[in-house]
Amino acid sequence: MCNPQKLLEIIDLHVSIEDKKILKGINLTIHRGEIHALMGPNGSGKSTLANALMGHPAYRVTKGKVIFKGQNILKMSPDERARLGLFLAFQYPTAIPGVTVSNFLRTAVNSVRNEEINVLDFHK
């Protein structure tokens, strides 16, 4: 059973690149402990959504709200979003001999936190 506390809430999100509207009215709520997968054909907006959430400058949010951990992140810089714990990982990360994906991600998270997260807490 998952915790009903909202972790991420996307409300009526509209995103454009230059003058082309890509996302039109996306709504999504993710509660703590839930796992979601975005699936769809090429060109359906998956990468646009991810890049808009991270604050990539090429993607312009024209309407909507994005609440992450209780804060509206749309006015935040990508660095501020990362400090909150939001980050973008590649589907096929470059392999580094001897470094697990888990250790790599924990190191990335710790690089933007004031207080390091230990291995056990990271895996919760």
PDB file of N, CA and C in Angstrom:
ATOM      1  N   MET A   1       0.846  -1.168   0.000  1.00  0.00           N
ATOM      2  CA  MET A   1       0.000   0.000   0.000  1.00  0.00           C
ATOM      3  C   MET A   1       0.894   1.235   0.000  1.00  0.00           C
ATOM      4  N   CYS A   2       0.602   2.201  -0.871  1.00  0.00           N
ATOM      5  CA  CYS A   2       1.465   3.365  -0.954  1.00  0.00           C
ATOM      6  C   CYS A   2       0.934   4.507  -0.102  1.00  0.00           C
ATOM      7  N   ASN A   3       1.841   5.384   0.241  1.00  0.00           N
ATOM      8  CA  ASN A   3       1.504   6.573   0.998  1.00  0.00           C
ATOM      9  C   ASN A   3       0.696   7.505   0.094  1.00  0.00           C
ATOM     10  N   PRO A   4      -0.439   8.025   0.553  1.00  0.00           N
ATOM     11  CA  PRO A   4      -1.263   8.868  -0.310  1.00  0.00           C
ATOM     12  C   PRO A   4      -0.703  10.277  -0.515  1.00  0.00           C
ATOM     13  N   GLN A   5       0.448  10.595   0.084  1.00  0.00           N
ATOM     14  CA  GLN A   5       1.011  11.930  -0.063  1.00  0.00           C
ATOM     15  C   GLN A   5       1.480  12.144  -1.503  1.00  0.00           C
ATOM     16  N   LYS A   6       1.091  13.273  -2.101  1.00  0.00           N
ATOM     17  CA  LYS A   6       1.483  13.573  -3.475  1.00  0.00           C
ATOM     18  C   LYS A   6       2.962  13.943  -3.527  1.00  0.00           C
ATOM     19  N   LEU A   7       3.674  13.313  -4.443  1.00  0.00           N
ATOM     20  CA  LEU A   7       5.075  13.634  -4.667  1.00  0.00           C
ATOM     21  C   LEU A   7       5.197  14.594  -5.850  1.00  0.00           C
ATOM     22  N   LEU A   8       4.461  14.296  -6.915  1.00  0.00           N
ATOM     23  CA  LEU A   8       4.487  15.113  -8.127  1.00  0.00           C
ATOM     24  C   LEU A   8       3.070  15.278  -8.629  1.00  0.00           C
ATOM     25  N   GLU A   9       2.712  16.506  -8.939  1.00  0.00           N
ATOM     26  CA  GLU A   9       1.399  16.769  -9.524  1.00  0.00           C
ATOM     27  C   GLU A   9       1.579  17.716 -10.705  1.00  0.00           C
ATOM     28  N   ILE A  10       1.159  17.255 -11.867  1.00  0.00           N
ATOM     29  CA  ILE A  10       1.210  18.051 -13.092  1.00  0.00           C
ATOM     30  C   ILE A  10      -0.229  18.403 -13.439  1.00  0.00           C
ATOM     31  N   ILE A  11      -0.494  19.700 -13.584  1.00  0.00           N
ATOM     32  CA  ILE A  11      -1.862  20.166 -13.791  1.00  0.00           C
ATOM     33  C   ILE A  11      -1.943  20.975 -15.081  1.00  0.00           C
ATOM     34  N   ASP A  12      -2.692  20.464 -16.060  1.00  0.00           N
ATOM     35  CA  ASP A  12      -2.989  21.162 -17.318  1.00  0.00           C
ATOM     36  C   ASP A  12      -1.731  21.756 -17.956  1.00  0.00           C
ATOM     37  N   LEU A  13      -0.699  20.951 -18.093  1.00  0.00           N
ATOM     38  CA  LEU A  13       0.589  21.425 -18.599  1.00  0.00           C
ATOM     39  C   LEU A  13       0.577  21.528 -20.122  1.00  0.00           C
ATOM     40  N   HIS A  14       0.979  22.691 -20.605  1.00  0.00           N
ATOM     41  CA  HIS A  14       1.131  22.953 -22.036  1.00  0.00           C
ATOM     42  C   HIS A  14       2.576  23.363 -22.268  1.00  0.00           C
ATOM     43  N   VAL A  15       3.236  22.732 -23.247  1.00  0.00           N
ATOM     44  CA  VAL A  15       4.648  23.008 -23.512  1.00  0.00           C
ATOM     45  C   VAL A  15       4.849  23.190 -25.009  1.00  0.00           C
ATOM     46  N   SER A  16       5.661  24.202 -25.354  1.00  0.00           N
ATOM     47  CA  SER A  16       5.987  24.492 -26.749  1.00  0.00           C
ATOM     48  C   SER A  16       7.493  24.512 -26.943  1.00  0.00           C
ATOM     49  N   ILE A  17       7.890  24.214 -28.167  1.00  0.00           N
ATOM     50  CA  ILE A  17       9.273  24.402 -28.601  1.00  0.00           C
ATOM     51  C   ILE A  17       9.180  25.363 -29.773  1.00  0.00           C
ATOM     52  N   GLU A  18       9.835  26.517 -29.631  1.00  0.00           N
ATOM     53  CA  GLU A  18       9.691  27.608 -30.588  1.00  0.00           C
ATOM     54  C   GLU A  18       8.202  27.906 -30.717  1.00  0.00           C
ATOM     55  N   ASP A  19       7.611  27.793 -31.883  1.00  0.00           N
ATOM     56  CA  ASP A  19       6.177  28.080 -32.020  1.00  0.00           C
ATOM     57  C   ASP A  19       5.334  26.814 -32.123  1.00  0.00           C
ATOM     58  N   LYS A  20       5.951  25.661 -31.927  1.00  0.00           N
ATOM     59  CA  LYS A  20       5.223  24.401 -32.073  1.00  0.00           C
ATOM     60  C   LYS A  20       4.729  23.902 -30.718  1.00  0.00           C
ATOM     61  N   LYS A  21       3.411  23.723 -30.596  1.00  0.00           N
ATOM     62  CA  LYS A  21       2.824  23.192 -29.364  1.00  0.00           C
ATOM     63  C   LYS A  21       3.028  21.679 -29.346  1.00  0.00           C
ATOM     64  N   ILE A  22       3.673  21.195 -28.291  1.00  0.00           N
ATOM     65  CA  ILE A  22       3.968  19.763 -28.192  1.00  0.00           C
ATOM     66  C   ILE A  22       3.039  19.087 -27.189  1.00  0.00           C
ATOM     67  N   LEU A  23       2.963  19.623 -25.984  1.00  0.00           N
ATOM     68  CA  LEU A  23       2.083  19.063 -24.952  1.00  0.00           C
ATOM     69  C   LEU A  23       0.901  19.996 -24.758  1.00  0.00           C
ATOM     70  N   LYS A  24      -0.290  19.416 -24.680  1.00  0.00           N
ATOM     71  CA  LYS A  24      -1.508  20.219 -24.575  1.00  0.00           C
ATOM     72  C   LYS A  24      -2.410  19.651 -23.491  1.00  0.00           C
ATOM     73  N   GLY A  25      -2.246  20.140 -22.271  1.00  0.00           N
ATOM     74  CA  GLY A  25      -3.157  19.754 -21.200  1.00  0.00           C
ATOM     75  C   GLY A  25      -2.816  18.457 -20.493  1.00  0.00           C
ATOM     76  N   ILE A  26      -1.550  18.233 -20.190  1.00  0.00           N
ATOM     77  CA  ILE A  26      -1.125  17.013 -19.491  1.00  0.00           C
ATOM     78  C   ILE A  26      -1.464  17.118 -18.008  1.00  0.00           C
ATOM     79  N   ASN A  27      -2.058  16.066 -17.465  1.00  0.00           N
ATOM     80  CA  ASN A  27      -2.359  15.960 -16.038  1.00  0.00           C
ATOM     81  C   ASN A  27      -1.805  14.632 -15.536  1.00  0.00           C
ATOM     82  N   LEU A  28      -1.125  14.674 -14.399  1.00  0.00           N
ATOM     83  CA  LEU A  28      -0.560  13.461 -13.821  1.00  0.00           C
ATOM     84  C   LEU A  28      -0.316  13.696 -12.341  1.00  0.00           C
ATOM     85  N   THR A  29      -0.684  12.721 -11.527  1.00  0.00           N
ATOM     86  CA  THR A  29      -0.382  12.769 -10.097  1.00  0.00           C
ATOM     87  C   THR A  29       0.356  11.495  -9.721  1.00  0.00           C
ATOM     88  N   ILE A  30       1.494  11.657  -9.058  1.00  0.00           N
ATOM     89  CA  ILE A  30       2.276  10.524  -8.574  1.00  0.00           C
ATOM     90  C   ILE A  30       2.411  10.680  -7.066  1.00  0.00           C
ATOM     91  N   HIS A  31       1.993   9.642  -6.344  1.00  0.00           N
ATOM     92  CA  HIS A  31       2.093   9.645  -4.885  1.00  0.00           C
ATOM     93  C   HIS A  31       3.392   8.968  -4.462  1.00  0.00           C
ATOM     94  N   ARG A  32       3.856   9.285  -3.264  1.00  0.00           N
ATOM     95  CA  ARG A  32       5.071   8.654  -2.735  1.00  0.00           C
ATOM     96  C   ARG A  32       4.927   7.131  -2.793  1.00  0.00           C
ATOM     97  N   GLY A  33       5.981   6.466  -3.236  1.00  0.00           N
ATOM     98  CA  GLY A  33       5.993   5.013  -3.293  1.00  0.00           C
ATOM     99  C   GLY A  33       5.483   4.433  -4.596  1.00  0.00           C
ATOM    100  N   GLU A  34       4.874   5.240  -5.441  1.00  0.00           N
ATOM    101  CA  GLU A  34       4.368   4.740  -6.719  1.00  0.00           C
ATOM    102  C   GLU A  34       5.476   4.752  -7.765  1.00  0.00           C
ATOM    103  N   ILE A  35       5.333   3.870  -8.734  1.00  0.00           N
ATOM    104  CA  ILE A  35       6.236   3.823  -9.874  1.00  0.00           C
ATOM    105  C   ILE A  35       5.380   3.945 -11.122  1.00  0.00           C
ATOM    106  N   HIS A  36       5.765   4.840 -12.013  1.00  0.00           N
ATOM    107  CA  HIS A  36       5.033   5.054 -13.257  1.00  0.00           C
ATOM    108  C   HIS A  36       5.991   4.933 -14.433  1.00  0.00           C
ATOM    109  N   ALA A  37       5.476   4.538 -15.581  1.00  0.00           N
ATOM    110  CA  ALA A  37       6.257   4.492 -16.813  1.00  0.00           C
ATOM    111  C   ALA A  37       5.518   5.300 -17.869  1.00  0.00           C
ATOM    112  N   LEU A  38       6.232   6.166 -18.565  1.00  0.00           N
ATOM    113  CA  LEU A  38       5.661   6.898 -19.687  1.00  0.00           C
ATOM    114  C   LEU A  38       6.006   6.129 -20.943  1.00  0.00           C
ATOM    115  N   MET A  39       4.981   5.720 -21.664  1.00  0.00           N
ATOM    116  CA  MET A  39       5.197   4.930 -22.869  1.00  0.00           C
ATOM    117  C   MET A  39       4.434   5.563 -24.014  1.00  0.00           C
ATOM    118  N   GLY A  40       4.973   5.422 -25.199  1.00  0.00           N
ATOM    119  CA  GLY A  40       4.299   5.932 -26.377  1.00  0.00           C
ATOM    120  C   GLY A  40       5.253   5.931 -27.552  1.00  0.00           C
ATOM    121  N   PRO A  41       4.702   6.128 -28.739  1.00  0.00           N
ATOM    122  CA  PRO A  41       5.544   6.124 -29.935  1.00  0.00           C
ATOM    123  C   PRO A  41       6.457   7.351 -29.974  1.00  0.00           C
ATOM    124  N   ASN A  42       7.461   7.282 -30.839  1.00  0.00           N
ATOM    125  CA  ASN A  42       8.338   8.438 -31.041  1.00  0.00           C
ATOM    126  C   ASN A  42       7.485   9.644 -31.408  1.00  0.00           C
ATOM    127  N   GLY A  43       7.832  10.784 -30.838  1.00  0.00           N
ATOM    128  CA  GLY A  43       7.116  12.012 -31.159  1.00  0.00           C
ATOM    129  C   GLY A  43       5.866  12.252 -30.344  1.00  0.00           C
ATOM    130  N   SER A  44       5.603  11.407 -29.350  1.00  0.00           N
ATOM    131  CA  SER A  44       4.369  11.563 -28.572  1.00  0.00           C
ATOM    132  C   SER A  44       4.515  12.521 -27.391  1.00  0.00           C
ATOM    133  N   GLY A  45       5.744  12.993 -27.098  1.00  0.00           N
ATOM    134  CA  GLY A  45       5.927  14.000 -26.066  1.00  0.00           C
ATOM    135  C   GLY A  45       6.602  13.540 -24.789  1.00  0.00           C
ATOM    136  N   LYS A  46       7.075  12.299 -24.742  1.00  0.00           N
ATOM    137  CA  LYS A  46       7.718  11.791 -23.516  1.00  0.00           C
ATOM    138  C   LYS A  46       8.959  12.603 -23.150  1.00  0.00           C
ATOM    139  N   SER A  47       9.840  12.805 -24.105  1.00  0.00           N
ATOM    140  CA  SER A  47      11.063  13.571 -23.842  1.00  0.00           C
ATOM    141  C   SER A  47      10.751  15.037 -23.587  1.00  0.00           C
ATOM    142  N   THR A  48       9.759  15.561 -24.271  1.00  0.00           N
ATOM    143  CA  THR A  48       9.352  16.951 -24.038  1.00  0.00           C
ATOM    144  C   THR A  48       8.895  17.129 -22.604  1.00  0.00           C
ATOM    145  N   LEU A  49       8.099  16.196 -22.097  1.00  0.00           N
ATOM    146  CA  LEU A  49       7.637  16.279 -20.714  1.00  0.00           C
ATOM    147  C   LEU A  49       8.825  16.236 -19.755  1.00  0.00           C
ATOM    148  N   ALA A  50       9.740  15.298 -19.965  1.00  0.00           N
ATOM    149  CA  ALA A  50      10.901  15.166 -19.079  1.00  0.00           C
ATOM    150  C   ALA A  50      11.758  16.429 -19.104  1.00  0.00           C
ATOM    151  N   ASN A  51      12.023  16.951 -20.280  1.00  0.00           N
ATOM    152  CA  ASN A  51      12.849  18.152 -20.394  1.00  0.00           C
ATOM    153  C   ASN A  51      12.158  19.381 -19.819  1.00  0.00           C
ATOM    154  N   ALA A  52      10.858  19.485 -19.992  1.00  0.00           N
ATOM    155  CA  ALA A  52      10.108  20.608 -19.412  1.00  0.00           C
ATOM    156  C   ALA A  52      10.131  20.534 -17.890  1.00  0.00           C
ATOM    157  N   LEU A  53       9.978  19.331 -17.335  1.00  0.00           N
ATOM    158  CA  LEU A  53      10.022  19.172 -15.880  1.00  0.00           C
ATOM    159  C   LEU A  53      11.379  19.591 -15.318  1.00  0.00           C
ATOM    160  N   MET A  54      12.439  19.343 -16.069  1.00  0.00           N
ATOM    161  CA  MET A  54      13.783  19.692 -15.600  1.00  0.00           C
ATOM    162  C   MET A  54      14.153  21.147 -15.862  1.00  0.00           C
ATOM    163  N   GLY A  55      13.328  21.862 -16.631  1.00  0.00           N
ATOM    164  CA  GLY A  55      13.595  23.277 -16.877  1.00  0.00           C
ATOM    165  C   GLY A  55      14.540  23.546 -18.033  1.00  0.00           C
ATOM    166  N   HIS A  56      14.598  22.641 -19.001  1.00  0.00           N
ATOM    167  CA  HIS A  56      15.448  22.846 -20.175  1.00  0.00           C
ATOM    168  C   HIS A  56      14.999  24.131 -20.878  1.00  0.00           C
ATOM    169  N   PRO A  57      15.940  25.026 -21.209  1.00  0.00           N
ATOM    170  CA  PRO A  57      15.562  26.328 -21.767  1.00  0.00           C
ATOM    171  C   PRO A  57      14.892  26.281 -23.140  1.00  0.00           C
ATOM    172  N   ALA A  58      15.048  25.207 -23.887  1.00  0.00           N
ATOM    173  CA  ALA A  58      14.414  25.122 -25.204  1.00  0.00           C
ATOM    174  C   ALA A  58      12.918  24.824 -25.116  1.00  0.00           C
ATOM    175  N   TYR A  59      12.462  24.383 -23.945  1.00  0.00           N
ATOM    176  CA  TYR A  59      11.066  23.989 -23.766  1.00  0.00           C
ATOM    177  C   TYR A  59      10.356  25.057 -22.946  1.00  0.00           C
ATOM    178  N   ARG A  60       9.310  25.654 -23.535  1.00  0.00           N
ATOM    179  CA  ARG A  60       8.605  26.746 -22.868  1.00  0.00           C
ATOM    180  C   ARG A  60       7.255  26.260 -22.363  1.00  0.00           C
ATOM    181  N   VAL A  61       7.060  26.365 -21.055  1.00  0.00           N
ATOM    182  CA  VAL A  61       5.762  26.025 -20.466  1.00  0.00           C
ATOM    183  C   VAL A  61       4.860  27.234 -20.662  1.00  0.00           C
ATOM    184  N   THR A  62       3.773  27.045 -21.410  1.00  0.00           N
ATOM    185  CA  THR A  62       2.873  28.154 -21.720  1.00  0.00           C
ATOM    186  C   THR A  62       1.649  28.189 -20.818  1.00  0.00           C
ATOM    187  N   LYS A  63       1.403  27.080 -20.125  1.00  0.00           N
ATOM    188  CA  LYS A  63       0.242  27.019 -19.237  1.00  0.00           C
ATOM    189  C   LYS A  63       0.423  25.836 -18.298  1.00  0.00           C
ATOM    190  N   GLY A  64      -0.174  25.935 -17.117  1.00  0.00           N
ATOM    191  CA  GLY A  64      -0.193  24.811 -16.196  1.00  0.00           C
ATOM    192  C   GLY A  64       0.680  25.013 -14.976  1.00  0.00           C
ATOM    193  N   LYS A  65       0.662  23.994 -14.116  1.00  0.00           N
ATOM    194  CA  LYS A  65       1.450  24.000 -12.881  1.00  0.00           C
ATOM    195  C   LYS A  65       2.119  22.646 -12.718  1.00  0.00           C
ATOM    196  N   VAL A  66       3.292  22.672 -12.091  1.00  0.00           N
ATOM    197  CA  VAL A  66       3.995  21.444 -11.731  1.00  0.00           C
ATOM    198  C   VAL A  66       4.398  21.583 -10.270  1.00  0.00           C
ATOM    199  N   ILE A  67       3.791  20.754  -9.425  1.00  0.00           N
ATOM    200  CA  ILE A  67       4.065  20.775  -7.995  1.00  0.00           C
ATOM    201  C   ILE A  67       4.892  19.536  -7.659  1.00  0.00           C
ATOM    202  N   PHE A  68       6.105  19.746  -7.129  1.00  0.00           N
ATOM    203  CA  PHE A  68       6.986  18.649  -6.736  1.00  0.00           C
ATOM    204  C   PHE A  68       7.331  18.842  -5.271  1.00  0.00           C
ATOM    205  N   LYS A  69       7.022  17.843  -4.467  1.00  0.00           N
ATOM    206  CA  LYS A  69       7.245  17.904  -3.017  1.00  0.00           C
ATOM    207  C   LYS A  69       6.626  19.164  -2.415  1.00  0.00           C
ATOM    208  N   GLY A  70       5.433  19.513  -2.907  1.00  0.00           N
ATOM    209  CA  GLY A  70       4.686  20.639  -2.365  1.00  0.00           C
ATOM    210  C   GLY A  70       5.093  22.005  -2.881  1.00  0.00           C
ATOM    211  N   GLN A  71       6.043  22.076  -3.810  1.00  0.00           N
ATOM    212  CA  GLN A  71       6.509  23.363  -4.326  1.00  0.00           C
ATOM    213  C   GLN A  71       6.289  23.455  -5.828  1.00  0.00           C
ATOM    214  N   ASN A  72       5.833  24.623  -6.286  1.00  0.00           N
ATOM    215  CA  ASN A  72       5.690  24.850  -7.720  1.00  0.00           C
ATOM    216  C   ASN A  72       7.089  25.063  -8.291  1.00  0.00           C
ATOM    217  N   ILE A  73       7.526  24.166  -9.160  1.00  0.00           N
ATOM    218  CA  ILE A  73       8.909  24.200  -9.637  1.00  0.00           C
ATOM    219  C   ILE A  73       9.097  24.982 -10.928  1.00  0.00           C
ATOM    220  N   LEU A  74       8.029  25.466 -11.540  1.00  0.00           N
ATOM    221  CA  LEU A  74       8.161  26.086 -12.853  1.00  0.00           C
ATOM    222  C   LEU A  74       9.006  27.355 -12.849  1.00  0.00           C
ATOM    223  N   LYS A  75       9.083  28.051 -11.754  1.00  0.00           N
ATOM    224  CA  LYS A  75       9.909  29.272 -11.683  1.00  0.00           C
ATOM    225  C   LYS A  75      11.330  28.968 -11.199  1.00  0.00           C
ATOM    226  N   MET A  76      11.606  27.707 -10.874  1.00  0.00           N
ATOM    227  CA  MET A  76      12.926  27.324 -10.357  1.00  0.00           C
ATOM    228  C   MET A  76      13.899  27.023 -11.493  1.00  0.00           C
ATOM    229  N   SER A  77      15.182  27.238 -11.222  1.00  0.00           N
ATOM    230  CA  SER A  77      16.227  26.873 -12.177  1.00  0.00           C
ATOM    231  C   SER A  77      16.394  25.350 -12.165  1.00  0.00           C
ATOM    232  N   PRO A  78      17.037  24.795 -13.204  1.00  0.00           N
ATOM    233  CA  PRO A  78      17.312  23.355 -13.184  1.00  0.00           C
ATOM    234  C   PRO A  78      18.107  22.924 -11.947  1.00  0.00           C
ATOM    235  N   ASP A  79      19.040  23.761 -11.493  1.00  0.00           N
ATOM    236  CA  ASP A  79      19.815  23.437 -10.287  1.00  0.00           C
ATOM    237  C   ASP A  79      18.925  23.340  -9.061  1.00  0.00           C
ATOM    238  N   GLU A  80      17.991  24.277  -8.926  1.00  0.00           N
ATOM    239  CA  GLU A  80      17.079  24.251  -7.776  1.00  0.00           C
ATOM    240  C   GLU A  80      16.196  23.008  -7.821  1.00  0.00           C
ATOM    241  N   ARG A  81      15.758  22.633  -9.011  1.00  0.00           N
ATOM    242  CA  ARG A  81      14.932  21.430  -9.166  1.00  0.00           C
ATOM    243  C   ARG A  81      15.740  20.193  -8.771  1.00  0.00           C
ATOM    244  N   ALA A  82      17.001  20.153  -9.175  1.00  0.00           N
ATOM    245  CA  ALA A  82      17.865  19.015  -8.833  1.00  0.00           C
ATOM    246  C   ALA A  82      18.075  18.924  -7.325  1.00  0.00           C
ATOM    247  N   ARG A  83      18.236  20.072  -6.666  1.00  0.00           N
ATOM    248  CA  ARG A  83      18.422  20.056  -5.212  1.00  0.00           C
ATOM    249  C   ARG A  83      17.198  19.510  -4.496  1.00  0.00           C
ATOM    250  N   LEU A  84      16.025  19.675  -5.101  1.00  0.00           N
ATOM    251  CA  LEU A  84      14.805  19.104  -4.518  1.00  0.00           C
ATOM    252  C   LEU A  84      14.744  17.588  -4.706  1.00  0.00           C
ATOM    253  N   GLY A  85      15.581  17.066  -5.620  1.00  0.00           N
ATOM    254  CA  GLY A  85      15.594  15.626  -5.853  1.00  0.00           C
ATOM    255  C   GLY A  85      15.070  15.211  -7.212  1.00  0.00           C
ATOM    256  N   LEU A  86      14.830  16.165  -8.089  1.00  0.00           N
ATOM    257  CA  LEU A  86      14.336  15.867  -9.433  1.00  0.00           C
ATOM    258  C   LEU A  86      15.524  15.855 -10.385  1.00  0.00           C
ATOM    259  N   PHE A  87      15.684  14.784 -11.142  1.00  0.00           N
ATOM    260  CA  PHE A  87      16.763  14.748 -12.114  1.00  0.00           C
ATOM    261  C   PHE A  87      16.380  13.836 -13.263  1.00  0.00           C
ATOM    262  N   LEU A  88      17.113  13.972 -14.341  1.00  0.00           N
ATOM    263  CA  LEU A  88      16.850  13.233 -15.560  1.00  0.00           C
ATOM    264  C   LEU A  88      17.999  12.262 -15.785  1.00  0.00           C
ATOM    265  N   ALA A  89      17.681  10.990 -15.947  1.00  0.00           N
ATOM    266  CA  ALA A  89      18.700   9.967 -16.196  1.00  0.00           C
ATOM    267  C   ALA A  89      18.486   9.393 -17.592  1.00  0.00           C
ATOM    268  N   PHE A  90      19.549   8.976 -18.206  1.00  0.00           N
ATOM    269  CA  PHE A  90      19.454   8.403 -19.539  1.00  0.00           C
ATOM    270  C   PHE A  90      18.940   6.972 -19.477  1.00  0.00           C
ATOM    271  N   GLN A  91      18.205   6.587 -20.524  1.00  0.00           N
ATOM    272  CA  GLN A  91      17.654   5.237 -20.586  1.00  0.00           C
ATOM    273  C   GLN A  91      18.773   4.201 -20.632  1.00  0.00           C
ATOM    274  N   TYR A  92      19.817   4.498 -21.362  1.00  0.00           N
ATOM    275  CA  TYR A  92      20.964   3.599 -21.469  1.00  0.00           C
ATOM    276  C   TYR A  92      22.205   4.359 -21.009  1.00  0.00           C
ATOM    277  N   PRO A  93      22.431   4.426 -19.691  1.00  0.00           N
ATOM    278  CA  PRO A  93      23.581   5.201 -19.201  1.00  0.00           C
ATOM    279  C   PRO A  93      24.901   4.581 -19.649  1.00  0.00           C
ATOM    280  N   THR A  94      25.892   5.438 -19.819  1.00  0.00           N
ATOM    281  CA  THR A  94      27.226   4.971 -20.165  1.00  0.00           C
ATOM    282  C   THR A  94      27.753   4.103 -19.031  1.00  0.00           C
ATOM    283  N   ALA A  95      28.251   2.947 -19.378  1.00  0.00           N
ATOM    284  CA  ALA A  95      28.781   2.034 -18.357  1.00  0.00           C
ATOM    285  C   ALA A  95      30.156   2.503 -17.905  1.00  0.00           C
ATOM    286  N   ILE A  96      30.347   2.516 -16.597  1.00  0.00           N
ATOM    287  CA  ILE A  96      31.648   2.835 -16.014  1.00  0.00           C
ATOM    288  C   ILE A  96      32.080   1.578 -15.265  1.00  0.00           C
ATOM    289  N   PRO A  97      33.160   0.938 -15.700  1.00  0.00           N
ATOM    290  CA  PRO A  97      33.574  -0.311 -15.062  1.00  0.00           C
ATOM    291  C   PRO A  97      33.712  -0.167 -13.545  1.00  0.00           C
ATOM    292  N   GLY A  98      33.062  -1.081 -12.809  1.00  0.00           N
ATOM    293  CA  GLY A  98      33.155  -1.102 -11.356  1.00  0.00           C
ATOM    294  C   GLY A  98      32.184  -0.186 -10.632  1.00  0.00           C
ATOM    295  N   VAL A  99      31.403   0.607 -11.367  1.00  0.00           N
ATOM    296  CA  VAL A  99      30.452   1.531 -10.736  1.00  0.00           C
ATOM    297  C   VAL A  99      29.034   1.064 -11.064  1.00  0.00           C
ATOM    298  N   THR A 100      28.258   0.761 -10.025  1.00  0.00           N
ATOM    299  CA  THR A 100      26.873   0.344 -10.251  1.00  0.00           C
ATOM    300  C   THR A 100      26.019   1.567 -10.562  1.00  0.00           C
ATOM    301  N   VAL A 101      24.914   1.349 -11.253  1.00  0.00           N
ATOM    302  CA  VAL A 101      23.989   2.442 -11.549  1.00  0.00           C
ATOM    303  C   VAL A 101      23.483   3.053 -10.250  1.00  0.00           C
ATOM    304  N   SER A 102      23.178   2.212  -9.274  1.00  0.00           N
ATOM    305  CA  SER A 102      22.689   2.698  -7.984  1.00  0.00           C
ATOM    306  C   SER A 102      23.701   3.623  -7.315  1.00  0.00           C
ATOM    307  N   ASN A 103      24.965   3.223  -7.291  1.00  0.00           N
ATOM    308  CA  ASN A 103      26.000   4.054  -6.676  1.00  0.00           C
ATOM    309  C   ASN A 103      26.188   5.355  -7.451  1.00  0.00           C
ATOM    310  N   PHE A 104      26.121   5.281  -8.765  1.00  0.00           N
ATOM    311  CA  PHE A 104      26.238   6.475  -9.603  1.00  0.00           C
ATOM    312  C   PHE A 104      25.112   7.459  -9.292  1.00  0.00           C
ATOM    313  N   LEU A 105      23.873   6.951  -9.215  1.00  0.00           N
ATOM    314  CA  LEU A 105      22.726   7.819  -8.934  1.00  0.00           C
ATOM    315  C   LEU A 105      22.799   8.412  -7.531  1.00  0.00           C
ATOM    316  N   ARG A 106      23.206   7.613  -6.553  1.00  0.00           N
ATOM    317  CA  ARG A 106      23.325   8.124  -5.179  1.00  0.00           C
ATOM    318  C   ARG A 106      24.388   9.218  -5.108  1.00  0.00           C
ATOM    319  N   THR A 107      25.487   9.037  -5.816  1.00  0.00           N
ATOM    320  CA  THR A 107      26.531  10.061  -5.852  1.00  0.00           C
ATOM    321  C   THR A 107      26.011  11.340  -6.500  1.00  0.00           C
ATOM    322  N   ALA A 108      25.228  11.197  -7.571  1.00  0.00           N
ATOM    323  CA  ALA A 108      24.642  12.374  -8.228  1.00  0.00           C
ATOM    324  C   ALA A 108      23.697  13.107  -7.286  1.00  0.00           C
ATOM    325  N   VAL A 109      22.859  12.359  -6.580  1.00  0.00           N
ATOM    326  CA  VAL A 109      21.929  12.967  -5.620  1.00  0.00           C
ATOM    327  C   VAL A 109      22.706  13.672  -4.515  1.00  0.00           C
ATOM    328  N   ASN A 110      23.712  13.021  -3.972  1.00  0.00           N
ATOM    329  CA  ASN A 110      24.496  13.613  -2.882  1.00  0.00           C
ATOM    330  C   ASN A 110      25.253  14.870  -3.315  1.00  0.00           C
ATOM    331  N   SER A 111      25.562  14.986  -4.598  1.00  0.00           N
ATOM    332  CA  SER A 111      26.313  16.157  -5.061  1.00  0.00           C
ATOM    333  C   SER A 111      25.496  17.441  -4.983  1.00  0.00           C
ATOM    334  N   VAL A 112      24.171  17.328  -4.912  1.00  0.00           N
ATOM    335  CA  VAL A 112      23.323  18.531  -4.851  1.00  0.00           C
ATOM    336  C   VAL A 112      22.597  18.681  -3.519  1.00  0.00           C
ATOM    337  N   ARG A 113      22.840  17.782  -2.589  1.00  0.00           N
ATOM    338  CA  ARG A 113      22.185  17.848  -1.274  1.00  0.00           C
ATOM    339  C   ARG A 113      23.110  18.486  -0.246  1.00  0.00           C
ATOM    340  N   ASN A 114      22.514  19.130   0.737  1.00  0.00           N
ATOM    341  CA  ASN A 114      23.297  19.670   1.852  1.00  0.00           C
ATOM    342  C   ASN A 114      23.778  18.553   2.764  1.00  0.00           C
ATOM    343  N   GLU A 115      22.979  17.505   2.873  1.00  0.00           N
ATOM    344  CA  GLU A 115      23.279  16.387   3.759  1.00  0.00           C
ATOM    345  C   GLU A 115      23.268  15.104   2.930  1.00  0.00           C
ATOM    346  N   GLU A 116      24.338  14.316   3.010  1.00  0.00           N
ATOM    347  CA  GLU A 116      24.412  13.097   2.205  1.00  0.00           C
ATOM    348  C   GLU A 116      23.377  12.074   2.644  1.00  0.00           C
ATOM    349  N   ILE A 117      22.864  11.341   1.661  1.00  0.00           N
ATOM    350  CA  ILE A 117      21.930  10.256   1.940  1.00  0.00           C
ATOM    351  C   ILE A 117      22.731   8.952   1.941  1.00  0.00           C
ATOM    352  N   ASN A 118      22.513   8.113   2.951  1.00  0.00           N
ATOM    353  CA  ASN A 118      23.282   6.868   3.018  1.00  0.00           C
ATOM    354  C   ASN A 118      22.661   5.815   2.101  1.00  0.00           C
ATOM    355  N   VAL A 119      23.383   4.744   1.900  1.00  0.00           N
ATOM    356  CA  VAL A 119      22.967   3.691   0.967  1.00  0.00           C
ATOM    357  C   VAL A 119      21.599   3.122   1.328  1.00  0.00           C
ATOM    358  N   LEU A 120      21.372   2.819   2.594  1.00  0.00           N
ATOM    359  CA  LEU A 120      20.097   2.217   3.001  1.00  0.00           C
ATOM    360  C   LEU A 120      18.924   3.157   2.755  1.00  0.00           C
ATOM    361  N   ASP A 121      19.070   4.430   3.113  1.00  0.00           N
ATOM    362  CA  ASP A 121      17.990   5.390   2.890  1.00  0.00           C
ATOM    363  C   ASP A 121      17.760   5.632   1.405  1.00  0.00           C
ATOM    364  N   PHE A 122      18.822   5.612   0.611  1.00  0.00           N
ATOM    365  CA  PHE A 122      18.692   5.825  -0.828  1.00  0.00           C
ATOM    366  C   PHE A 122      17.848   4.732  -1.474  1.00  0.00           C
ATOM    367  N   HIS A 123      17.965   3.520  -0.975  1.00  0.00           N
ATOM    368  CA  HIS A 123      17.250   2.389  -1.574  1.00  0.00           C
ATOM    369  C   HIS A 123      15.816   2.251  -1.083  1.00  0.00           C
ATOM    370  N   LYS A 124      15.358   3.116  -0.198  1.00  0.00           N
ATOM    371  CA  LYS A 124      13.970   3.050   0.292  1.00  0.00           C
ATOM    372  C   LYS A 124      13.013   3.504  -0.771  1.00  0.00           C
TER     373      LYS A 124
END
